Amino acid sequence: MAKEKKVDLRKEAETKMQTLVEQHNELARDIQEANARLGEIKQMIVEHQGYMKGLEACEKDCEVK
């Protein structure tokens, strides 16, 4: 019986480890996807800041004339 229990504990531990590894891999993928999206959003912000500066410059130029 002791050997059976030892085998069961080992199998249980392996199953738990597999579950933990799967969760880790899923979270790592989620983080990679989120980082990629973050990069896209940062680029959009930079581009929009340029657009807004252009509008301000146009507005000032139009006021002068």
N, C-alpha and C. Protein backbone atom coordinates (compact mmCIF):
# COMPACT_ATOMS: atom_id res chain seq x y z
N MET A 1 0.83 -1.20 0.00
CA MET A 1 0.00 0.00 0.00
C MET A 1 0.87 1.25 0.00
N ALA A 2 1.98 1.22 0.70
CA ALA A 2 2.87 2.39 0.74
C ALA A 2 3.37 2.72 -0.65
N LYS A 3 3.67 1.69 -1.44
CA LYS A 3 4.16 1.91 -2.80
C LYS A 3 3.06 2.52 -3.67
N GLU A 4 1.82 2.03 -3.51
CA GLU A 4 0.69 2.59 -4.26
C GLU A 4 0.51 4.06 -3.94
N LYS A 5 0.59 4.39 -2.67
CA LYS A 5 0.41 5.77 -2.25
C LYS A 5 1.53 6.64 -2.83
N LYS A 6 2.76 6.11 -2.84
CA LYS A 6 3.90 6.84 -3.38
C LYS A 6 3.70 7.11 -4.87
N VAL A 7 3.22 6.12 -5.59
CA VAL A 7 2.95 6.26 -7.02
C VAL A 7 1.85 7.30 -7.24
N ASP A 8 0.80 7.24 -6.42
CA ASP A 8 -0.29 8.20 -6.54
C ASP A 8 0.20 9.62 -6.27
N LEU A 9 1.03 9.79 -5.25
CA LEU A 9 1.56 11.11 -4.93
C LEU A 9 2.41 11.64 -6.08
N ARG A 10 3.21 10.75 -6.67
CA ARG A 10 4.06 11.14 -7.80
C ARG A 10 3.20 11.57 -8.99
N LYS A 11 2.19 10.79 -9.29
CA LYS A 11 1.29 11.11 -10.41
C LYS A 11 0.56 12.43 -10.15
N GLU A 12 0.12 12.60 -8.93
CA GLU A 12 -0.56 13.83 -8.53
C GLU A 12 0.37 15.04 -8.69
N ALA A 13 1.62 14.87 -8.26
CA ALA A 13 2.60 15.95 -8.36
C ALA A 13 2.90 16.28 -9.81
N GLU A 14 3.00 15.27 -10.66
CA GLU A 14 3.27 15.50 -12.09
C GLU A 14 2.10 16.23 -12.75
N THR A 15 0.90 15.82 -12.40
CA THR A 15 -0.29 16.48 -12.94
C THR A 15 -0.33 17.95 -12.52
N LYS A 16 -0.05 18.21 -11.25
CA LYS A 16 -0.03 19.58 -10.73
C LYS A 16 1.04 20.40 -11.46
N MET A 17 2.23 19.81 -11.66
CA MET A 17 3.31 20.51 -12.35
C MET A 17 2.92 20.84 -13.78
N GLN A 18 2.28 19.90 -14.46
CA GLN A 18 1.85 20.14 -15.83
C GLN A 18 0.84 21.28 -15.88
N THR A 19 -0.08 21.30 -14.94
CA THR A 19 -1.07 22.37 -14.88
C THR A 19 -0.40 23.72 -14.66
N LEU A 20 0.56 23.76 -13.75
CA LEU A 20 1.27 25.00 -13.46
C LEU A 20 2.06 25.49 -14.68
N VAL A 21 2.70 24.58 -15.38
CA VAL A 21 3.46 24.95 -16.58
C VAL A 21 2.52 25.49 -17.65
N GLU A 22 1.38 24.86 -17.83
CA GLU A 22 0.40 25.33 -18.81
C GLU A 22 -0.09 26.73 -18.46
N GLN A 23 -0.36 26.97 -17.18
CA GLN A 23 -0.80 28.30 -16.75
C GLN A 23 0.30 29.34 -17.00
N HIS A 24 1.53 28.97 -16.70
CA HIS A 24 2.67 29.86 -16.93
C HIS A 24 2.77 30.22 -18.41
N ASN A 25 2.70 29.21 -19.27
CA ASN A 25 2.81 29.45 -20.70
C ASN A 25 1.68 30.33 -21.23
N GLU A 26 0.49 30.11 -20.73
CA GLU A 26 -0.66 30.91 -21.15
C GLU A 26 -0.46 32.37 -20.72
N LEU A 27 -0.02 32.57 -19.49
CA LEU A 27 0.23 33.94 -19.02
C LEU A 27 1.36 34.60 -19.80
N ALA A 28 2.39 33.85 -20.13
CA ALA A 28 3.50 34.40 -20.91
C ALA A 28 3.01 34.84 -22.29
N ARG A 29 2.15 34.04 -22.91
CA ARG A 29 1.57 34.42 -24.21
C ARG A 29 0.71 35.69 -24.08
N ASP A 30 -0.09 35.74 -23.03
CA ASP A 30 -0.94 36.92 -22.80
C ASP A 30 -0.08 38.17 -22.63
N ILE A 31 1.01 38.04 -21.91
CA ILE A 31 1.91 39.18 -21.68
C ILE A 31 2.54 39.62 -23.00
N GLN A 32 2.96 38.68 -23.82
CA GLN A 32 3.56 39.02 -25.11
C GLN A 32 2.55 39.76 -25.98
N GLU A 33 1.33 39.27 -26.01
CA GLU A 33 0.29 39.92 -26.80
C GLU A 33 -0.01 41.32 -26.27
N ALA A 34 -0.07 41.45 -24.96
CA ALA A 34 -0.33 42.76 -24.34
C ALA A 34 0.82 43.73 -24.62
N ASN A 35 2.05 43.25 -24.56
CA ASN A 35 3.20 44.11 -24.86
C ASN A 35 3.18 44.56 -26.31
N ALA A 36 2.79 43.68 -27.21
CA ALA A 36 2.70 44.06 -28.63
C ALA A 36 1.64 45.14 -28.80
N ARG A 37 0.51 44.95 -28.16
CA ARG A 37 -0.58 45.95 -28.25
C ARG A 37 -0.15 47.27 -27.63
N LEU A 38 0.58 47.20 -26.52
CA LEU A 38 1.09 48.40 -25.86
C LEU A 38 1.99 49.18 -26.81
N GLY A 39 2.85 48.47 -27.52
CA GLY A 39 3.73 49.12 -28.50
C GLY A 39 2.93 49.81 -29.59
N GLU A 40 1.88 49.16 -30.07
CA GLU A 40 1.02 49.76 -31.09
C GLU A 40 0.36 51.03 -30.58
N ILE A 41 -0.16 50.98 -29.37
CA ILE A 41 -0.84 52.14 -28.78
C ILE A 41 0.14 53.29 -28.58
N LYS A 42 1.35 52.98 -28.09
CA LYS A 42 2.35 54.03 -27.91
C LYS A 42 2.66 54.71 -29.23
N GLN A 43 2.79 53.93 -30.30
CA GLN A 43 3.06 54.50 -31.62
C GLN A 43 1.90 55.38 -32.08
N MET A 44 0.68 54.94 -31.82
CA MET A 44 -0.49 55.74 -32.19
C MET A 44 -0.50 57.07 -31.43
N ILE A 45 -0.10 57.03 -30.16
CA ILE A 45 -0.05 58.25 -29.35
C ILE A 45 0.97 59.22 -29.94
N VAL A 46 2.16 58.72 -30.27
CA VAL A 46 3.21 59.57 -30.85
C VAL A 46 2.72 60.19 -32.15
N GLU A 47 2.11 59.38 -33.00
CA GLU A 47 1.59 59.90 -34.27
C GLU A 47 0.51 60.95 -34.03
N HIS A 48 -0.36 60.72 -33.08
CA HIS A 48 -1.44 61.67 -32.82
C HIS A 48 -0.90 62.97 -32.21
N GLN A 49 0.15 62.86 -31.40
CA GLN A 49 0.77 64.07 -30.86
C GLN A 49 1.31 64.93 -32.00
N GLY A 50 1.91 64.30 -32.99
CA GLY A 50 2.39 65.04 -34.16
C GLY A 50 1.25 65.70 -34.90
N TYR A 51 0.17 65.00 -35.05
CA TYR A 51 -1.02 65.55 -35.71
C TYR A 51 -1.54 66.77 -34.94
N MET A 52 -1.60 66.66 -33.61
CA MET A 52 -2.11 67.76 -32.79
C MET A 52 -1.17 68.97 -32.87
N LYS A 53 0.14 68.73 -32.88
CA LYS A 53 1.10 69.84 -33.02
C LYS A 53 0.92 70.51 -34.37
N GLY A 54 0.65 69.72 -35.40
CA GLY A 54 0.39 70.28 -36.72
C GLY A 54 -0.85 71.15 -36.72
N LEU A 55 -1.88 70.71 -36.03
CA LEU A 55 -3.11 71.52 -35.93
C LEU A 55 -2.85 72.84 -35.20
N GLU A 56 -2.07 72.76 -34.11
CA GLU A 56 -1.73 73.97 -33.36
C GLU A 56 -0.94 74.94 -34.23
N ALA A 57 0.01 74.42 -34.97
CA ALA A 57 0.83 75.26 -35.84
C ALA A 57 -0.04 75.91 -36.92
N CYS A 58 -0.94 75.16 -37.47
CA CYS A 58 -1.85 75.68 -38.50
C CYS A 58 -2.73 76.77 -37.90
N GLU A 59 -3.22 76.53 -36.70
CA GLU A 59 -4.10 77.48 -36.02
C GLU A 59 -3.36 78.80 -35.78
N LYS A 60 -2.13 78.71 -35.29
CA LYS A 60 -1.31 79.91 -35.03
C LYS A 60 -1.02 80.63 -36.35
N ASP A 61 -0.71 79.86 -37.39
CA ASP A 61 -0.42 80.44 -38.69
C ASP A 61 -1.64 81.16 -39.24
N CYS A 62 -2.80 80.56 -39.05
CA CYS A 62 -4.04 81.17 -39.56
C CYS A 62 -4.36 82.46 -38.78
N GLU A 63 -4.05 82.52 -37.50
CA GLU A 63 -4.32 83.71 -36.69
C GLU A 63 -3.43 84.87 -37.13
N VAL A 64 -2.21 84.56 -37.53
CA VAL A 64 -1.27 85.61 -37.94
C VAL A 64 -1.72 86.27 -39.22
N LYS A 65 -2.30 85.52 -40.13
CA LYS A 65 -2.68 86.07 -41.43
C LYS A 65 -3.94 86.84 -41.40
